[in-house]
Amino acid sequence: MDVLSIRQLSRSFREGGRVHQVLDGADAQVRCGEIVAVTGRSGSGKSTLLNLISGIDRAERGTVEIDGRDVTAMGEPARTLFRRAHIGFVYQFFNLIPTLEVEENVRLVLELNGVRGAAARDRSLAALADVGLRERAHSAVDQLSGGEQQRVAIARALVHRPGLLLADEPTGNLDEQTAGEVLPVLLSLTRARGTTVVIVTHDVAVSRLADRVLELREGRLHS
């Protein structure tokens, strides 16, 4: 069963008087529980692709279906609610909120989805335990190392049990040793839960561990 279906996806941007065609009829299908790495040169449109999949940005042409629902046909409020409930994100630069404690960063995702109180706290603490950081629950974000911050970001991305995880260069801000410690956490948790994963990466180690690699080239996805 395909969790993600991309059909004829197109998106361009205007730079001065020039139109830059980033995506030009991209097609892909990703099966339930599959981990797919997306590679390509810098500026090829990989991050744009993730933004279109999630509904943060809108395509000019084509469709994105997640679990049979056409994200491209939704209005902005519906896309936002769908994204909160069904998609997790891991970014290169962590994107944690520095004014919140570690557990509060994770719990915020649940609260945005209507889960509050003790239920939200218990789930956020369990998610931190899954990434080996239960004891850092009440630490400030800036007291954590880069690898620890990325593990918090993984806990935050998975705490609401999304069917689809989108990761944009998740090891890109980590040294080789730390990346080698964080990547297995991400992949083992998603495989255990059957989460479908799309990872944008330049990291050969990430690509080797994926089930399949797609290259974004000249606006299209190539196996």
N, C-alpha and C. Protein backbone atom coordinates (compact mmCIF):
# COMPACT_ATOMS: atom_id res chain seq x y z
N MET A 1 0.84 -1.19 0.00
CA MET A 1 0.00 0.00 0.00
C MET A 1 0.88 1.25 0.00
N ASP A 2 0.55 2.20 -0.88
CA ASP A 2 1.30 3.45 -0.94
C ASP A 2 0.76 4.44 0.10
N VAL A 3 1.65 4.87 1.00
CA VAL A 3 1.28 5.92 1.95
C VAL A 3 1.40 7.29 1.30
N LEU A 4 2.39 7.43 0.43
CA LEU A 4 2.65 8.71 -0.24
C LEU A 4 2.67 8.51 -1.75
N SER A 5 1.88 9.33 -2.43
CA SER A 5 1.84 9.28 -3.89
C SER A 5 2.00 10.69 -4.43
N ILE A 6 3.03 10.88 -5.24
CA ILE A 6 3.33 12.18 -5.85
C ILE A 6 3.15 12.02 -7.35
N ARG A 7 2.31 12.88 -7.94
CA ARG A 7 2.04 12.77 -9.37
C ARG A 7 2.20 14.12 -10.06
N GLN A 8 3.12 14.15 -11.02
CA GLN A 8 3.32 15.30 -11.90
C GLN A 8 3.47 16.62 -11.13
N LEU A 9 4.26 16.57 -10.06
CA LEU A 9 4.39 17.72 -9.18
C LEU A 9 5.33 18.76 -9.80
N SER A 10 4.86 20.00 -9.85
CA SER A 10 5.64 21.08 -10.46
C SER A 10 5.61 22.32 -9.58
N ARG A 11 6.77 22.98 -9.50
CA ARG A 11 6.87 24.22 -8.72
C ARG A 11 8.03 25.03 -9.27
N SER A 12 7.79 26.32 -9.49
CA SER A 12 8.83 27.22 -9.96
C SER A 12 8.89 28.45 -9.06
N PHE A 13 10.02 29.14 -9.14
CA PHE A 13 10.22 30.37 -8.38
C PHE A 13 10.78 31.44 -9.31
N ARG A 14 10.38 32.67 -9.08
CA ARG A 14 10.89 33.78 -9.88
C ARG A 14 12.04 34.45 -9.14
N GLU A 15 13.15 34.58 -9.80
CA GLU A 15 14.33 35.27 -9.26
C GLU A 15 14.67 36.41 -10.19
N GLY A 16 14.30 37.63 -9.75
CA GLY A 16 14.46 38.78 -10.62
C GLY A 16 13.53 38.63 -11.81
N GLY A 17 14.08 38.66 -13.01
CA GLY A 17 13.25 38.49 -14.19
C GLY A 17 13.28 37.08 -14.75
N ARG A 18 13.86 36.15 -13.98
CA ARG A 18 14.05 34.77 -14.47
C ARG A 18 13.20 33.80 -13.66
N VAL A 19 12.59 32.84 -14.37
CA VAL A 19 11.81 31.80 -13.71
C VAL A 19 12.67 30.56 -13.57
N HIS A 20 12.78 30.06 -12.33
CA HIS A 20 13.57 28.86 -12.05
C HIS A 20 12.61 27.71 -11.79
N GLN A 21 12.60 26.73 -12.70
CA GLN A 21 11.72 25.57 -12.57
C GLN A 21 12.39 24.55 -11.66
N VAL A 22 11.94 24.47 -10.40
CA VAL A 22 12.57 23.59 -9.42
C VAL A 22 12.07 22.16 -9.59
N LEU A 23 10.77 21.98 -9.64
CA LEU A 23 10.16 20.67 -9.88
C LEU A 23 9.37 20.74 -11.17
N ASP A 24 9.50 19.69 -11.99
CA ASP A 24 8.89 19.72 -13.31
C ASP A 24 8.30 18.35 -13.64
N GLY A 25 7.14 18.08 -13.05
CA GLY A 25 6.48 16.80 -13.31
C GLY A 25 7.06 15.64 -12.53
N ALA A 26 7.40 15.88 -11.27
CA ALA A 26 7.99 14.82 -10.43
C ALA A 26 6.94 13.79 -10.04
N ASP A 27 7.33 12.52 -10.10
CA ASP A 27 6.45 11.40 -9.73
C ASP A 27 7.18 10.48 -8.76
N ALA A 28 6.44 9.96 -7.77
CA ALA A 28 7.00 8.95 -6.86
C ALA A 28 5.89 8.33 -6.04
N GLN A 29 6.10 7.08 -5.68
CA GLN A 29 5.21 6.39 -4.74
C GLN A 29 6.08 5.78 -3.64
N VAL A 30 5.62 5.95 -2.40
CA VAL A 30 6.35 5.42 -1.25
C VAL A 30 5.41 4.52 -0.48
N ARG A 31 5.86 3.28 -0.26
CA ARG A 31 5.01 2.29 0.40
C ARG A 31 4.99 2.45 1.91
N CYS A 32 4.00 1.86 2.53
CA CYS A 32 3.86 1.90 3.98
C CYS A 32 5.09 1.30 4.66
N GLY A 33 5.70 2.05 5.58
CA GLY A 33 6.86 1.57 6.31
C GLY A 33 8.18 1.68 5.58
N GLU A 34 8.17 2.18 4.36
CA GLU A 34 9.39 2.29 3.57
C GLU A 34 10.20 3.51 4.00
N ILE A 35 11.52 3.37 3.95
CA ILE A 35 12.43 4.49 4.21
C ILE A 35 13.11 4.85 2.89
N VAL A 36 12.83 6.05 2.41
CA VAL A 36 13.33 6.50 1.12
C VAL A 36 14.23 7.71 1.31
N ALA A 37 15.44 7.64 0.77
CA ALA A 37 16.36 8.77 0.79
C ALA A 37 16.24 9.52 -0.54
N VAL A 38 16.18 10.85 -0.44
CA VAL A 38 16.14 11.70 -1.63
C VAL A 38 17.46 12.47 -1.69
N THR A 39 18.20 12.27 -2.77
CA THR A 39 19.49 12.94 -2.95
C THR A 39 19.39 13.90 -4.14
N GLY A 40 20.45 14.66 -4.33
CA GLY A 40 20.49 15.62 -5.43
C GLY A 40 21.41 16.76 -5.06
N ARG A 41 21.87 17.47 -6.06
CA ARG A 41 22.80 18.58 -5.80
C ARG A 41 22.09 19.69 -5.02
N SER A 42 22.88 20.57 -4.40
CA SER A 42 22.32 21.71 -3.69
C SER A 42 21.53 22.58 -4.66
N GLY A 43 20.35 23.00 -4.23
CA GLY A 43 19.51 23.83 -5.08
C GLY A 43 18.65 23.07 -6.06
N SER A 44 18.67 21.72 -5.97
CA SER A 44 17.89 20.93 -6.93
C SER A 44 16.41 20.87 -6.58
N GLY A 45 16.05 21.30 -5.36
CA GLY A 45 14.63 21.34 -5.00
C GLY A 45 14.20 20.33 -3.96
N LYS A 46 15.17 19.76 -3.25
CA LYS A 46 14.83 18.71 -2.28
C LYS A 46 13.98 19.23 -1.13
N SER A 47 14.38 20.37 -0.56
CA SER A 47 13.60 20.95 0.53
C SER A 47 12.24 21.44 0.04
N THR A 48 12.20 21.96 -1.17
CA THR A 48 10.93 22.35 -1.77
C THR A 48 10.00 21.16 -1.89
N LEU A 49 10.55 20.02 -2.27
CA LEU A 49 9.75 18.80 -2.38
C LEU A 49 9.11 18.45 -1.03
N LEU A 50 9.89 18.51 0.05
CA LEU A 50 9.33 18.21 1.38
C LEU A 50 8.25 19.21 1.75
N ASN A 51 8.45 20.48 1.42
CA ASN A 51 7.45 21.50 1.74
C ASN A 51 6.14 21.26 0.97
N LEU A 52 6.26 20.75 -0.24
CA LEU A 52 5.05 20.44 -1.03
C LEU A 52 4.35 19.19 -0.49
N ILE A 53 5.14 18.20 -0.11
CA ILE A 53 4.54 16.98 0.46
C ILE A 53 3.74 17.32 1.72
N SER A 54 4.31 18.16 2.56
CA SER A 54 3.68 18.48 3.84
C SER A 54 2.56 19.49 3.73
N GLY A 55 2.48 20.18 2.60
CA GLY A 55 1.46 21.21 2.45
C GLY A 55 1.88 22.56 2.99
N ILE A 56 3.14 22.71 3.39
CA ILE A 56 3.63 24.03 3.80
C ILE A 56 3.63 24.97 2.60
N ASP A 57 3.99 24.43 1.44
CA ASP A 57 3.95 25.17 0.18
C ASP A 57 2.95 24.48 -0.75
N ARG A 58 2.52 25.19 -1.78
CA ARG A 58 1.54 24.63 -2.72
C ARG A 58 2.16 24.47 -4.10
N ALA A 59 1.86 23.36 -4.72
CA ALA A 59 2.36 23.09 -6.07
C ALA A 59 1.57 23.91 -7.09
N GLU A 60 2.23 24.21 -8.20
CA GLU A 60 1.54 24.86 -9.32
C GLU A 60 0.72 23.85 -10.11
N ARG A 61 1.25 22.65 -10.21
CA ARG A 61 0.55 21.55 -10.89
C ARG A 61 0.87 20.26 -10.17
N GLY A 62 0.00 19.27 -10.36
CA GLY A 62 0.24 17.96 -9.79
C GLY A 62 -0.45 17.76 -8.45
N THR A 63 -0.29 16.53 -7.91
CA THR A 63 -0.97 16.19 -6.66
C THR A 63 -0.02 15.47 -5.71
N VAL A 64 -0.32 15.63 -4.42
CA VAL A 64 0.33 14.87 -3.36
C VAL A 64 -0.78 14.19 -2.56
N GLU A 65 -0.76 12.87 -2.50
CA GLU A 65 -1.73 12.13 -1.70
C GLU A 65 -1.01 11.42 -0.56
N ILE A 66 -1.53 11.57 0.65
CA ILE A 66 -1.01 10.89 1.83
C ILE A 66 -2.14 10.07 2.41
N ASP A 67 -1.93 8.76 2.49
CA ASP A 67 -2.99 7.85 2.96
C ASP A 67 -4.29 8.06 2.18
N GLY A 68 -4.16 8.30 0.87
CA GLY A 68 -5.32 8.44 0.02
C GLY A 68 -5.99 9.80 0.05
N ARG A 69 -5.45 10.73 0.84
CA ARG A 69 -6.04 12.07 0.92
C ARG A 69 -5.20 13.05 0.12
N ASP A 70 -5.86 13.81 -0.74
CA ASP A 70 -5.18 14.74 -1.62
C ASP A 70 -4.85 16.03 -0.85
N VAL A 71 -3.60 16.16 -0.44
CA VAL A 71 -3.17 17.33 0.33
C VAL A 71 -3.25 18.59 -0.52
N THR A 72 -2.99 18.46 -1.81
CA THR A 72 -2.99 19.64 -2.68
C THR A 72 -4.38 20.22 -2.88
N ALA A 73 -5.41 19.44 -2.60
CA ALA A 73 -6.78 19.94 -2.77
C ALA A 73 -7.31 20.62 -1.51
N MET A 74 -6.56 20.54 -0.41
CA MET A 74 -7.01 21.12 0.86
C MET A 74 -6.74 22.61 0.91
N GLY A 75 -7.59 23.34 1.61
CA GLY A 75 -7.31 24.73 1.92
C GLY A 75 -6.25 24.81 3.01
N GLU A 76 -5.73 26.01 3.24
CA GLU A 76 -4.64 26.16 4.19
C GLU A 76 -4.99 25.68 5.61
N PRO A 77 -6.16 26.03 6.18
CA PRO A 77 -6.46 25.53 7.54
C PRO A 77 -6.50 24.00 7.60
N ALA A 78 -7.08 23.38 6.58
CA ALA A 78 -7.16 21.91 6.56
C ALA A 78 -5.77 21.29 6.41
N ARG A 79 -4.92 21.91 5.60
CA ARG A 79 -3.55 21.40 5.44
C ARG A 79 -2.79 21.47 6.77
N THR A 80 -2.97 22.58 7.49
CA THR A 80 -2.29 22.75 8.77
C THR A 80 -2.71 21.67 9.76
N LEU A 81 -4.00 21.43 9.87
CA LEU A 81 -4.51 20.41 10.81
C LEU A 81 -4.04 19.02 10.40
N PHE A 82 -4.05 18.75 9.09
CA PHE A 82 -3.61 17.44 8.60
C PHE A 82 -2.13 17.24 8.90
N ARG A 83 -1.34 18.27 8.66
CA ARG A 83 0.10 18.18 8.89
C ARG A 83 0.40 17.93 10.37
N ARG A 84 -0.27 18.64 11.25
CA ARG A 84 -0.06 18.46 12.69
C ARG A 84 -0.36 17.04 13.14
N ALA A 85 -1.40 16.46 12.57
CA ALA A 85 -1.88 15.16 13.05
C ALA A 85 -1.15 13.98 12.41
N HIS A 86 -0.71 14.12 11.16
CA HIS A 86 -0.28 12.95 10.40
C HIS A 86 1.18 12.95 9.96
N ILE A 87 1.89 14.07 10.14
CA ILE A 87 3.26 14.17 9.64
C ILE A 87 4.18 14.62 10.78
N GLY A 88 5.36 13.99 10.85
CA GLY A 88 6.42 14.42 11.76
C GLY A 88 7.56 15.01 10.97
N PHE A 89 8.30 15.94 11.59
CA PHE A 89 9.41 16.61 10.92
C PHE A 89 10.67 16.53 11.76
N VAL A 90 11.80 16.28 11.08
CA VAL A 90 13.12 16.42 11.69
C VAL A 90 13.93 17.31 10.76
N TYR A 91 14.52 18.36 11.35
CA TYR A 91 15.25 19.34 10.55
C TYR A 91 16.75 19.27 10.83
N GLN A 92 17.52 19.89 9.95
CA GLN A 92 18.98 19.93 10.11
C GLN A 92 19.37 20.71 11.36
N PHE A 93 18.69 21.81 11.63
CA PHE A 93 19.08 22.69 12.73
C PHE A 93 18.17 22.57 13.95
N PHE A 94 17.53 21.42 14.11
CA PHE A 94 16.79 21.01 15.31
C PHE A 94 15.47 21.76 15.50
N ASN A 95 15.50 23.12 15.41
CA ASN A 95 14.28 23.94 15.54
C ASN A 95 13.56 23.71 16.87
N LEU A 96 14.31 23.54 17.93
CA LEU A 96 13.72 23.46 19.26
C LEU A 96 13.48 24.87 19.79
N ILE A 97 12.52 25.01 20.71
CA ILE A 97 12.18 26.32 21.27
C ILE A 97 13.02 26.53 22.52
N PRO A 98 13.93 27.50 22.51
CA PRO A 98 14.89 27.63 23.62
C PRO A 98 14.27 28.05 24.94
N THR A 99 13.09 28.68 24.91
CA THR A 99 12.45 29.12 26.16
C THR A 99 11.66 28.00 26.84
N LEU A 100 11.56 26.84 26.19
CA LEU A 100 10.85 25.70 26.78
C LEU A 100 11.85 24.64 27.21
N GLU A 101 11.51 23.91 28.28
CA GLU A 101 12.32 22.76 28.68
C GLU A 101 12.21 21.66 27.62
N VAL A 102 13.09 20.68 27.72
CA VAL A 102 13.12 19.57 26.76
C VAL A 102 11.76 18.89 26.66
N GLU A 103 11.18 18.50 27.78
CA GLU A 103 9.89 17.80 27.76
C GLU A 103 8.79 18.70 27.20
N GLU A 104 8.85 19.97 27.48
CA GLU A 104 7.83 20.90 26.98
C GLU A 104 7.91 21.03 25.46
N ASN A 105 9.11 20.98 24.89
CA ASN A 105 9.26 20.99 23.44
C ASN A 105 8.54 19.81 22.80
N VAL A 106 8.71 18.64 23.41
CA VAL A 106 8.08 17.43 22.87
C VAL A 106 6.57 17.48 23.08
N ARG A 107 6.16 17.90 24.25
CA ARG A 107 4.73 17.91 24.61
C ARG A 107 3.93 18.89 23.75
N LEU A 108 4.57 19.95 23.28
CA LEU A 108 3.85 20.97 22.50
C LEU A 108 3.14 20.37 21.29
N VAL A 109 3.75 19.40 20.65
CA VAL A 109 3.13 18.76 19.49
C VAL A 109 1.81 18.09 19.88
N LEU A 110 1.81 17.42 21.02
CA LEU A 110 0.59 16.77 21.50
C LEU A 110 -0.48 17.80 21.83
N GLU A 111 -0.09 18.88 22.47
CA GLU A 111 -1.06 19.90 22.85
C GLU A 111 -1.68 20.55 21.62
N LEU A 112 -0.90 20.72 20.57
CA LEU A 112 -1.45 21.26 19.32
C LEU A 112 -2.45 20.31 18.68
N ASN A 113 -2.35 19.02 19.04
CA ASN A 113 -3.29 18.02 18.55
C ASN A 113 -4.38 17.69 19.55
N GLY A 114 -4.49 18.51 20.61
CA GLY A 114 -5.59 18.36 21.55
C GLY A 114 -5.36 17.42 22.70
N VAL A 115 -4.13 16.90 22.85
CA VAL A 115 -3.80 16.01 23.97
C VAL A 115 -3.14 16.86 25.05
N ARG A 116 -3.72 16.87 26.26
CA ARG A 116 -3.22 17.77 27.30
C ARG A 116 -3.07 17.04 28.64
N GLY A 117 -2.59 17.76 29.63
CA GLY A 117 -2.52 17.26 30.99
C GLY A 117 -1.57 16.08 31.15
N ALA A 118 -1.95 15.18 32.07
CA ALA A 118 -1.09 14.04 32.41
C ALA A 118 -0.86 13.13 31.21
N ALA A 119 -1.86 12.98 30.35
CA ALA A 119 -1.70 12.11 29.17
C ALA A 119 -0.60 12.64 28.26
N ALA A 120 -0.57 13.95 28.07
CA ALA A 120 0.46 14.56 27.23
C ALA A 120 1.84 14.43 27.87
N ARG A 121 1.91 14.67 29.18
CA ARG A 121 3.21 14.55 29.87
C ARG A 121 3.74 13.12 29.83
N ASP A 122 2.86 12.16 30.06
CA ASP A 122 3.30 10.76 30.05
C ASP A 122 3.82 10.36 28.67
N ARG A 123 3.13 10.78 27.63
CA ARG A 123 3.56 10.42 26.27
C ARG A 123 4.86 11.12 25.89
N SER A 124 5.02 12.37 26.30
CA SER A 124 6.25 13.07 25.95
C SER A 124 7.45 12.48 26.71
N LEU A 125 7.24 12.09 27.96
CA LEU A 125 8.32 11.44 28.71
C LEU A 125 8.66 10.08 28.12
N ALA A 126 7.66 9.35 27.68
CA ALA A 126 7.91 8.05 27.03
C ALA A 126 8.69 8.24 25.74
N ALA A 127 8.36 9.28 24.99
CA ALA A 127 9.08 9.55 23.74
C ALA A 127 10.53 9.90 24.02
N LEU A 128 10.78 10.65 25.09
CA LEU A 128 12.16 10.97 25.47
C LEU A 128 12.91 9.72 25.92
N ALA A 129 12.21 8.83 26.63
CA ALA A 129 12.84 7.57 27.02
C ALA A 129 13.23 6.75 25.80
N ASP A 130 12.42 6.80 24.76
CA ASP A 130 12.71 6.05 23.53
C ASP A 130 14.01 6.48 22.88
N VAL A 131 14.37 7.77 23.06
CA VAL A 131 15.61 8.26 22.45
C VAL A 131 16.73 8.39 23.49
N GLY A 132 16.50 7.82 24.69
CA GLY A 132 17.53 7.78 25.72
C GLY A 132 17.75 9.07 26.47
N LEU A 133 16.71 9.92 26.54
CA LEU A 133 16.88 11.23 27.18
C LEU A 133 15.83 11.52 28.25
N ARG A 134 15.28 10.46 28.83
CA ARG A 134 14.27 10.69 29.87
C ARG A 134 14.82 11.54 31.01
N GLU A 135 16.08 11.35 31.36
CA GLU A 135 16.65 12.08 32.50
C GLU A 135 16.92 13.55 32.20
N ARG A 136 16.83 13.94 30.90
CA ARG A 136 17.05 15.34 30.54
C ARG A 136 15.74 16.09 30.31
N ALA A 137 14.64 15.51 30.75
CA ALA A 137 13.31 16.07 30.47
C ALA A 137 13.16 17.51 30.92
N HIS A 138 13.76 17.88 32.05
CA HIS A 138 13.57 19.22 32.60
C HIS A 138 14.78 20.11 32.39
N SER A 139 15.66 19.70 31.49
CA SER A 139 16.82 20.52 31.15
C SER A 139 16.42 21.61 30.16
N ALA A 140 17.19 22.68 30.17
CA ALA A 140 17.04 23.70 29.13
C ALA A 140 17.67 23.17 27.84
N VAL A 141 17.11 23.58 26.73
CA VAL A 141 17.60 23.10 25.43
C VAL A 141 19.08 23.43 25.24
N ASP A 142 19.50 24.63 25.67
CA ASP A 142 20.88 25.04 25.42
C ASP A 142 21.89 24.32 26.31
N GLN A 143 21.42 23.47 27.21
CA GLN A 143 22.32 22.65 28.03
C GLN A 143 22.65 21.33 27.35
N LEU A 144 22.01 21.05 26.22
CA LEU A 144 22.19 19.78 25.51
C LEU A 144 23.22 19.93 24.41
N SER A 145 23.90 18.83 24.12
CA SER A 145 24.80 18.78 22.96
C SER A 145 23.98 18.76 21.67
N GLY A 146 24.66 18.92 20.54
CA GLY A 146 23.97 18.87 19.25
C GLY A 146 23.29 17.53 19.03
N GLY A 147 23.97 16.44 19.37
CA GLY A 147 23.38 15.12 19.19
C GLY A 147 22.16 14.92 20.08
N GLU A 148 22.24 15.43 21.32
CA GLU A 148 21.09 15.33 22.22
C GLU A 148 19.91 16.16 21.71
N GLN A 149 20.20 17.34 21.19
CA GLN A 149 19.13 18.18 20.65
C GLN A 149 18.44 17.48 19.47
N GLN A 150 19.22 16.82 18.63
CA GLN A 150 18.60 16.14 17.50
C GLN A 150 17.77 14.94 17.96
N ARG A 151 18.19 14.28 19.03
CA ARG A 151 17.38 13.19 19.57
C ARG A 151 16.07 13.72 20.17
N VAL A 152 16.12 14.89 20.79
CA VAL A 152 14.88 15.52 21.25
C VAL A 152 13.98 15.82 20.06
N ALA A 153 14.58 16.31 18.98
CA ALA A 153 13.80 16.61 17.78
C ALA A 153 13.15 15.35 17.21
N ILE A 154 13.84 14.21 17.31
CA ILE A 154 13.27 12.94 16.86
C ILE A 154 12.09 12.56 17.75
N ALA A 155 12.26 12.70 19.06
CA ALA A 155 11.16 12.41 19.99
C ALA A 155 9.95 13.29 19.68
N ARG A 156 10.19 14.57 19.44
CA ARG A 156 9.11 15.50 19.11
C ARG A 156 8.42 15.09 17.80
N ALA A 157 9.19 14.64 16.84
CA ALA A 157 8.62 14.28 15.54
C ALA A 157 7.75 13.03 15.60
N LEU A 158 8.04 12.15 16.57
CA LEU A 158 7.35 10.86 16.63
C LEU A 158 6.33 10.75 17.75
N VAL A 159 6.27 11.74 18.65
CA VAL A 159 5.44 11.61 19.85
C VAL A 159 3.96 11.46 19.54
N HIS A 160 3.50 12.06 18.42
CA HIS A 160 2.07 11.97 18.07
C HIS A 160 1.78 10.81 17.13
N ARG A 161 2.79 9.95 16.95
CA ARG A 161 2.66 8.72 16.15
C ARG A 161 2.20 8.99 14.72
N PRO A 162 2.94 9.81 14.00
CA PRO A 162 2.56 10.12 12.62
C PRO A 162 2.79 8.93 11.71
N GLY A 163 2.02 8.86 10.64
CA GLY A 163 2.24 7.80 9.67
C GLY A 163 3.39 8.10 8.73
N LEU A 164 3.74 9.39 8.61
CA LEU A 164 4.78 9.84 7.68
C LEU A 164 5.75 10.76 8.41
N LEU A 165 7.04 10.47 8.27
CA LEU A 165 8.09 11.34 8.83
C LEU A 165 8.89 11.92 7.68
N LEU A 166 9.06 13.24 7.70
CA LEU A 166 9.88 13.95 6.72
C LEU A 166 11.11 14.48 7.43
N ALA A 167 12.29 14.15 6.92
CA ALA A 167 13.54 14.56 7.55
C ALA A 167 14.40 15.30 6.52
N ASP A 168 14.77 16.53 6.86
CA ASP A 168 15.55 17.38 5.95
C ASP A 168 16.98 17.48 6.48
N GLU A 169 17.88 16.71 5.88
CA GLU A 169 19.30 16.66 6.27
C GLU A 169 19.44 16.45 7.79
N PRO A 170 18.90 15.37 8.34
CA PRO A 170 18.89 15.20 9.80
C PRO A 170 20.26 15.03 10.42
N THR A 171 21.28 14.66 9.63
CA THR A 171 22.64 14.55 10.16
C THR A 171 23.53 15.68 9.68
N GLY A 172 22.96 16.64 8.96
CA GLY A 172 23.76 17.67 8.31
C GLY A 172 24.46 18.63 9.25
N ASN A 173 23.97 18.76 10.49
CA ASN A 173 24.56 19.68 11.45
C ASN A 173 25.33 18.94 12.55
N LEU A 174 25.63 17.66 12.28
CA LEU A 174 26.32 16.83 13.28
C LEU A 174 27.65 16.34 12.72
N ASP A 175 28.63 16.16 13.62
CA ASP A 175 29.89 15.57 13.17
C ASP A 175 29.66 14.08 12.87
N GLU A 176 30.64 13.47 12.24
CA GLU A 176 30.47 12.09 11.76
C GLU A 176 30.16 11.12 12.89
N GLN A 177 30.85 11.26 14.01
CA GLN A 177 30.62 10.35 15.12
C GLN A 177 29.23 10.51 15.71
N THR A 178 28.81 11.77 15.92
CA THR A 178 27.49 12.03 16.49
C THR A 178 26.40 11.58 15.53
N ALA A 179 26.60 11.84 14.24
CA ALA A 179 25.62 11.38 13.25
C ALA A 179 25.47 9.87 13.30
N GLY A 180 26.59 9.18 13.50
CA GLY A 180 26.56 7.72 13.60
C GLY A 180 25.84 7.21 14.82
N GLU A 181 25.69 8.06 15.84
CA GLU A 181 24.95 7.69 17.04
C GLU A 181 23.46 8.04 16.90
N VAL A 182 23.17 9.15 16.24
CA VAL A 182 21.78 9.64 16.14
C VAL A 182 20.99 8.90 15.06
N LEU A 183 21.63 8.64 13.93
CA LEU A 183 20.92 8.01 12.81
C LEU A 183 20.30 6.67 13.18
N PRO A 184 20.99 5.77 13.87
CA PRO A 184 20.34 4.50 14.25
C PRO A 184 19.11 4.68 15.14
N VAL A 185 19.12 5.72 15.97
CA VAL A 185 17.95 6.00 16.81
C VAL A 185 16.75 6.31 15.94
N LEU A 186 16.96 7.21 14.97
CA LEU A 186 15.88 7.59 14.07
C LEU A 186 15.35 6.39 13.29
N LEU A 187 16.25 5.63 12.71
CA LEU A 187 15.83 4.53 11.84
C LEU A 187 15.24 3.36 12.62
N SER A 188 15.80 3.05 13.78
CA SER A 188 15.26 1.93 14.55
C SER A 188 13.86 2.22 15.06
N LEU A 189 13.62 3.45 15.51
CA LEU A 189 12.29 3.79 16.01
C LEU A 189 11.25 3.77 14.89
N THR A 190 11.60 4.33 13.74
CA THR A 190 10.64 4.37 12.64
C THR A 190 10.38 2.97 12.08
N ARG A 191 11.41 2.15 11.99
CA ARG A 191 11.20 0.78 11.51
C ARG A 191 10.33 -0.01 12.48
N ALA A 192 10.58 0.15 13.77
CA ALA A 192 9.81 -0.59 14.77
C ALA A 192 8.33 -0.21 14.73
N ARG A 193 8.05 1.03 14.38
CA ARG A 193 6.67 1.52 14.38
C ARG A 193 6.01 1.43 13.01
N GLY A 194 6.78 1.05 12.00
CA GLY A 194 6.23 0.99 10.65
C GLY A 194 5.97 2.35 10.05
N THR A 195 6.70 3.36 10.54
CA THR A 195 6.53 4.72 10.03
C THR A 195 7.17 4.85 8.66
N THR A 196 6.48 5.48 7.74
CA THR A 196 7.03 5.77 6.42
C THR A 196 7.92 7.00 6.52
N VAL A 197 9.11 6.95 5.92
CA VAL A 197 10.10 8.02 6.08
C VAL A 197 10.61 8.47 4.72
N VAL A 198 10.66 9.80 4.55
CA VAL A 198 11.33 10.40 3.40
C VAL A 198 12.44 11.29 3.96
N ILE A 199 13.68 10.96 3.62
CA ILE A 199 14.85 11.68 4.15
C ILE A 199 15.59 12.37 3.01
N VAL A 200 15.66 13.69 3.06
CA VAL A 200 16.53 14.43 2.16
C VAL A 200 17.93 14.41 2.76
N THR A 201 18.94 14.04 1.97
CA THR A 201 20.27 13.90 2.54
C THR A 201 21.38 14.02 1.49
N HIS A 202 22.54 14.51 1.96
CA HIS A 202 23.79 14.41 1.20
C HIS A 202 24.69 13.33 1.80
N ASP A 203 24.25 12.74 2.90
CA ASP A 203 25.06 11.81 3.67
C ASP A 203 24.97 10.41 3.07
N VAL A 204 26.10 9.91 2.59
CA VAL A 204 26.12 8.58 1.97
C VAL A 204 25.70 7.51 2.96
N ALA A 205 26.06 7.69 4.24
CA ALA A 205 25.70 6.70 5.27
C ALA A 205 24.19 6.59 5.40
N VAL A 206 23.49 7.71 5.28
CA VAL A 206 22.02 7.70 5.35
C VAL A 206 21.46 6.95 4.15
N SER A 207 21.95 7.28 2.98
CA SER A 207 21.46 6.65 1.75
C SER A 207 21.64 5.14 1.79
N ARG A 208 22.78 4.68 2.33
CA ARG A 208 23.06 3.25 2.38
C ARG A 208 22.07 2.50 3.26
N LEU A 209 21.54 3.18 4.29
CA LEU A 209 20.64 2.53 5.23
C LEU A 209 19.17 2.62 4.80
N ALA A 210 18.90 3.40 3.78
CA ALA A 210 17.52 3.53 3.29
C ALA A 210 17.13 2.30 2.49
N ASP A 211 15.82 2.07 2.38
CA ASP A 211 15.33 0.97 1.56
C ASP A 211 15.48 1.27 0.07
N ARG A 212 15.44 2.57 -0.25
CA ARG A 212 15.47 2.97 -1.65
C ARG A 212 15.99 4.40 -1.73
N VAL A 213 16.69 4.71 -2.83
CA VAL A 213 17.22 6.06 -3.03
C VAL A 213 16.63 6.64 -4.30
N LEU A 214 16.12 7.88 -4.21
CA LEU A 214 15.64 8.61 -5.36
C LEU A 214 16.52 9.85 -5.54
N GLU A 215 16.93 10.11 -6.76
CA GLU A 215 17.72 11.31 -7.04
C GLU A 215 16.83 12.36 -7.69
N LEU A 216 16.84 13.56 -7.14
CA LEU A 216 16.11 14.67 -7.74
C LEU A 216 17.03 15.38 -8.72
N ARG A 217 16.68 15.27 -9.98
CA ARG A 217 17.54 15.80 -11.04
C ARG A 217 16.68 16.40 -12.14
N GLU A 218 16.98 17.66 -12.49
CA GLU A 218 16.26 18.36 -13.55
C GLU A 218 14.75 18.34 -13.30
N GLY A 219 14.38 18.51 -12.01
CA GLY A 219 12.98 18.66 -11.64
C GLY A 219 12.19 17.38 -11.49
N ARG A 220 12.87 16.23 -11.66
CA ARG A 220 12.16 14.95 -11.56
C ARG A 220 12.91 13.98 -10.66
N LEU A 221 12.19 13.00 -10.14
CA LEU A 221 12.76 12.00 -9.26
C LEU A 221 13.14 10.75 -10.05
N HIS A 222 14.39 10.30 -9.89
CA HIS A 222 14.91 9.17 -10.65
C HIS A 222 15.37 8.07 -9.69
N SER A 223 15.03 6.84 -9.99
CA SER A 223 15.45 5.70 -9.16
C SER A 223 16.92 5.39 -9.40
